[in-house]
């Protein structure tokens, strides 16, 4: 069982930065693929980024490439999402997700992830 708790959301002006954190409980965090998703008002939840636990595997949505960076600290059971050059269209509730991945596979489909956090609101003003 893994519990995920996001933090770091808030209100920021366009062009600004935020860093989201996702703290995970459980002893096997290091064997989990971790992902970030987001859901804007009246829109479906969409993939943002994912990171594996071996081989430096990382995947980004095209909309955030070059602006967002996902990273993890297995010693702290935490995954991060550094968001730079934020745009109003980045406004959404951001969710952390996790799924055990013994082979280190990473996914962009939300249905592949079993564990989810409650979400943290990010609002970017123009």
C-alpha atoms as a PDB file:
ATOM      1  CA  UNK A   1       0.000   0.000   0.000  1.00  0.00           C
ATOM      2  CA  UNK A   2       1.299   3.434  -0.950  1.00  0.00           C
ATOM      3  CA  UNK A   3      -0.090   6.785   0.112  1.00  0.00           C
ATOM      4  CA  UNK A   4       0.768   9.898  -1.857  1.00  0.00           C
ATOM      5  CA  UNK A   5       0.539  13.478  -0.595  1.00  0.00           C
ATOM      6  CA  UNK A   6       1.160  16.437  -2.888  1.00  0.00           C
ATOM      7  CA  UNK A   7       2.261  19.903  -1.810  1.00  0.00           C
ATOM      8  CA  UNK A   8       3.661  23.071  -3.314  1.00  0.00           C
ATOM      9  CA  UNK A   9       0.728  24.332  -5.321  1.00  0.00           C
ATOM     10  CA  UNK A  10      -0.387  27.929  -5.258  1.00  0.00           C
ATOM     11  CA  UNK A  11      -0.993  31.108  -7.205  1.00  0.00           C
ATOM     12  CA  UNK A  12       1.746  32.432  -9.465  1.00  0.00           C
ATOM     13  CA  UNK A  13       1.970  34.979 -12.252  1.00  0.00           C
ATOM     14  CA  UNK A  14       2.607  33.917 -15.818  1.00  0.00           C
ATOM     15  CA  UNK A  15       6.303  33.347 -16.368  1.00  0.00           C
ATOM     16  CA  UNK A  16       6.843  32.340 -12.779  1.00  0.00           C
ATOM     17  CA  UNK A  17       7.874  29.030 -11.226  1.00  0.00           C
ATOM     18  CA  UNK A  18       6.578  26.513  -8.725  1.00  0.00           C
ATOM     19  CA  UNK A  19       7.922  23.238  -7.428  1.00  0.00           C
ATOM     20  CA  UNK A  20       5.477  20.512  -6.550  1.00  0.00           C
ATOM     21  CA  UNK A  21       6.388  17.706  -4.202  1.00  0.00           C
ATOM     22  CA  UNK A  22       4.801  14.311  -3.722  1.00  0.00           C
ATOM     23  CA  UNK A  23       5.684  12.441  -0.564  1.00  0.00           C
ATOM     24  CA  UNK A  24       5.095   8.703  -0.659  1.00  0.00           C
ATOM     25  CA  UNK A  25       4.705   6.257   2.180  1.00  0.00           C
ATOM     26  CA  UNK A  26       5.760   2.662   1.828  1.00  0.00           C
ATOM     27  CA  UNK A  27       9.058   0.868   1.740  1.00  0.00           C
ATOM     28  CA  UNK A  28       9.122   0.064  -1.975  1.00  0.00           C
ATOM     29  CA  UNK A  29       8.944   3.581  -3.374  1.00  0.00           C
ATOM     30  CA  UNK A  30      12.212   3.022  -5.166  1.00  0.00           C
ATOM     31  CA  UNK A  31      10.572   0.331  -7.325  1.00  0.00           C
ATOM     32  CA  UNK A  32       7.712   2.553  -8.422  1.00  0.00           C
ATOM     33  CA  UNK A  33       7.191   4.522 -11.581  1.00  0.00           C
ATOM     34  CA  UNK A  34       5.899   7.936 -10.538  1.00  0.00           C
ATOM     35  CA  UNK A  35       3.844  10.281 -12.627  1.00  0.00           C
ATOM     36  CA  UNK A  36       2.280  13.708 -12.571  1.00  0.00           C
ATOM     37  CA  UNK A  37      -1.103  14.409 -14.129  1.00  0.00           C
ATOM     38  CA  UNK A  38      -3.293  17.485 -14.151  1.00  0.00           C
ATOM     39  CA  UNK A  39      -6.944  18.339 -14.587  1.00  0.00           C
ATOM     40  CA  UNK A  40      -8.149  21.761 -15.619  1.00  0.00           C
ATOM     41  CA  UNK A  41     -11.750  22.864 -14.990  1.00  0.00           C
ATOM     42  CA  UNK A  42     -14.195  21.078 -17.269  1.00  0.00           C
ATOM     43  CA  UNK A  43     -11.398  19.095 -18.902  1.00  0.00           C
ATOM     44  CA  UNK A  44     -10.240  15.527 -18.630  1.00  0.00           C
ATOM     45  CA  UNK A  45      -7.201  14.635 -16.593  1.00  0.00           C
ATOM     46  CA  UNK A  46      -4.064  14.652 -18.716  1.00  0.00           C
ATOM     47  CA  UNK A  47      -0.538  13.316 -18.448  1.00  0.00           C
ATOM     48  CA  UNK A  48       2.247  15.731 -17.542  1.00  0.00           C
ATOM     49  CA  UNK A  49       5.389  13.713 -16.782  1.00  0.00           C
ATOM     50  CA  UNK A  50       6.617  10.356 -15.526  1.00  0.00           C
ATOM     51  CA  UNK A  51       9.858   9.042 -14.104  1.00  0.00           C
ATOM     52  CA  UNK A  52      11.101   5.500 -13.706  1.00  0.00           C
ATOM     53  CA  UNK A  53      13.279   4.169 -10.968  1.00  0.00           C
ATOM     54  CA  UNK A  54      16.066   2.786 -13.174  1.00  0.00           C
ATOM     55  CA  UNK A  55      17.868   3.904 -16.263  1.00  0.00           C
ATOM     56  CA  UNK A  56      16.950   7.554 -15.975  1.00  0.00           C
ATOM     57  CA  UNK A  57      13.718   6.973 -17.880  1.00  0.00           C
ATOM     58  CA  UNK A  58      11.644  10.128 -18.103  1.00  0.00           C
ATOM     59  CA  UNK A  59       8.680  11.090 -20.245  1.00  0.00           C
ATOM     60  CA  UNK A  60       7.033  14.476 -20.727  1.00  0.00           C
ATOM     61  CA  UNK A  61       3.899  15.700 -22.391  1.00  0.00           C
ATOM     62  CA  UNK A  62       4.706  17.883 -25.385  1.00  0.00           C
ATOM     63  CA  UNK A  63       2.951  20.815 -23.752  1.00  0.00           C
ATOM     64  CA  UNK A  64       5.455  20.954 -20.885  1.00  0.00           C
ATOM     65  CA  UNK A  65       8.712  19.878 -22.534  1.00  0.00           C
ATOM     66  CA  UNK A  66      11.485  22.348 -21.883  1.00  0.00           C
ATOM     67  CA  UNK A  67       9.546  24.036 -19.067  1.00  0.00           C
ATOM     68  CA  UNK A  68       8.863  21.292 -16.511  1.00  0.00           C
ATOM     69  CA  UNK A  69      11.341  18.899 -14.908  1.00  0.00           C
ATOM     70  CA  UNK A  70      10.422  15.750 -13.020  1.00  0.00           C
ATOM     71  CA  UNK A  71      12.848  14.257 -10.523  1.00  0.00           C
ATOM     72  CA  UNK A  72      12.858  11.919  -7.568  1.00  0.00           C
ATOM     73  CA  UNK A  73      14.735  11.366  -4.340  1.00  0.00           C
ATOM     74  CA  UNK A  74      14.324   7.746  -3.331  1.00  0.00           C
ATOM     75  CA  UNK A  75      16.010   8.359   0.023  1.00  0.00           C
ATOM     76  CA  UNK A  76      13.248  10.831   0.850  1.00  0.00           C
ATOM     77  CA  UNK A  77      10.446   8.884  -0.877  1.00  0.00           C
ATOM     78  CA  UNK A  78       9.613  12.037  -2.788  1.00  0.00           C
ATOM     79  CA  UNK A  79       9.032  12.971  -6.408  1.00  0.00           C
ATOM     80  CA  UNK A  80       9.193  16.552  -7.610  1.00  0.00           C
ATOM     81  CA  UNK A  81       7.851  18.576 -10.487  1.00  0.00           C
ATOM     82  CA  UNK A  82       9.740  21.802 -11.130  1.00  0.00           C
ATOM     83  CA  UNK A  83       7.566  24.058 -13.253  1.00  0.00           C
ATOM     84  CA  UNK A  84       9.140  27.058 -14.947  1.00  0.00           C
ATOM     85  CA  UNK A  85       7.824  29.607 -17.443  1.00  0.00           C
ATOM     86  CA  UNK A  86       4.313  28.901 -16.276  1.00  0.00           C
ATOM     87  CA  UNK A  87       1.404  29.847 -18.503  1.00  0.00           C
ATOM     88  CA  UNK A  88      -2.261  30.472 -17.675  1.00  0.00           C
ATOM     89  CA  UNK A  89      -3.099  27.243 -19.506  1.00  0.00           C
ATOM     90  CA  UNK A  90      -1.063  25.341 -16.903  1.00  0.00           C
ATOM     91  CA  UNK A  91      -3.767  26.171 -14.360  1.00  0.00           C
ATOM     92  CA  UNK A  92      -5.109  22.878 -13.040  1.00  0.00           C
ATOM     93  CA  UNK A  93      -5.221  20.506 -10.114  1.00  0.00           C
ATOM     94  CA  UNK A  94      -2.003  18.505 -10.245  1.00  0.00           C
ATOM     95  CA  UNK A  95      -2.039  14.890  -9.148  1.00  0.00           C
ATOM     96  CA  UNK A  96       0.794  12.582  -8.232  1.00  0.00           C
ATOM     97  CA  UNK A  97       0.436   8.944  -9.226  1.00  0.00           C
ATOM     98  CA  UNK A  98       2.450   5.811  -8.615  1.00  0.00           C
ATOM     99  CA  UNK A  99       2.628   2.239  -9.771  1.00  0.00           C
ATOM    100  CA  UNK A 100       5.063  -0.514  -8.967  1.00  0.00           C
ATOM    101  CA  UNK A 101       7.211  -1.299 -11.969  1.00  0.00           C
ATOM    102  CA  UNK A 102       9.722  -4.100 -11.416  1.00  0.00           C
ATOM    103  CA  UNK A 103      11.066  -3.739 -14.966  1.00  0.00           C
ATOM    104  CA  UNK A 104      11.253   0.038 -14.762  1.00  0.00           C
ATOM    105  CA  UNK A 105       8.605   0.655 -17.392  1.00  0.00           C
ATOM    106  CA  UNK A 106       7.046   4.123 -17.387  1.00  0.00           C
ATOM    107  CA  UNK A 107       3.597   5.051 -18.652  1.00  0.00           C
ATOM    108  CA  UNK A 108       1.646   8.106 -19.750  1.00  0.00           C
ATOM    109  CA  UNK A 109      -1.794   6.490 -19.449  1.00  0.00           C
ATOM    110  CA  UNK A 110      -3.486   7.220 -16.148  1.00  0.00           C
ATOM    111  CA  UNK A 111      -5.098   3.798 -16.138  1.00  0.00           C
ATOM    112  CA  UNK A 112      -1.666   2.258 -15.571  1.00  0.00           C
ATOM    113  CA  UNK A 113      -1.339   3.933 -12.190  1.00  0.00           C
ATOM    114  CA  UNK A 114      -2.946   2.406  -9.133  1.00  0.00           C
ATOM    115  CA  UNK A 115      -2.040   4.931  -6.448  1.00  0.00           C
ATOM    116  CA  UNK A 116      -3.091   8.581  -6.513  1.00  0.00           C
ATOM    117  CA  UNK A 117      -2.738  11.633  -4.337  1.00  0.00           C
ATOM    118  CA  UNK A 118      -5.506  14.096  -3.562  1.00  0.00           C
ATOM    119  CA  UNK A 119      -4.118  16.798  -5.804  1.00  0.00           C
ATOM    120  CA  UNK A 120      -2.774  20.298  -5.351  1.00  0.00           C
ATOM    121  CA  UNK A 121      -4.126  23.397  -7.074  1.00  0.00           C
ATOM    122  CA  UNK A 122      -1.888  25.419  -9.356  1.00  0.00           C
ATOM    123  CA  UNK A 123      -3.251  28.722 -10.614  1.00  0.00           C
ATOM    124  CA  UNK A 124      -1.332  30.853 -13.101  1.00  0.00           C
ATOM    125  CA  UNK A 125      -2.573  34.394 -13.553  1.00  0.00           C
ATOM    126  CA  UNK A 126      -2.050  36.355 -16.746  1.00  0.00           C
END
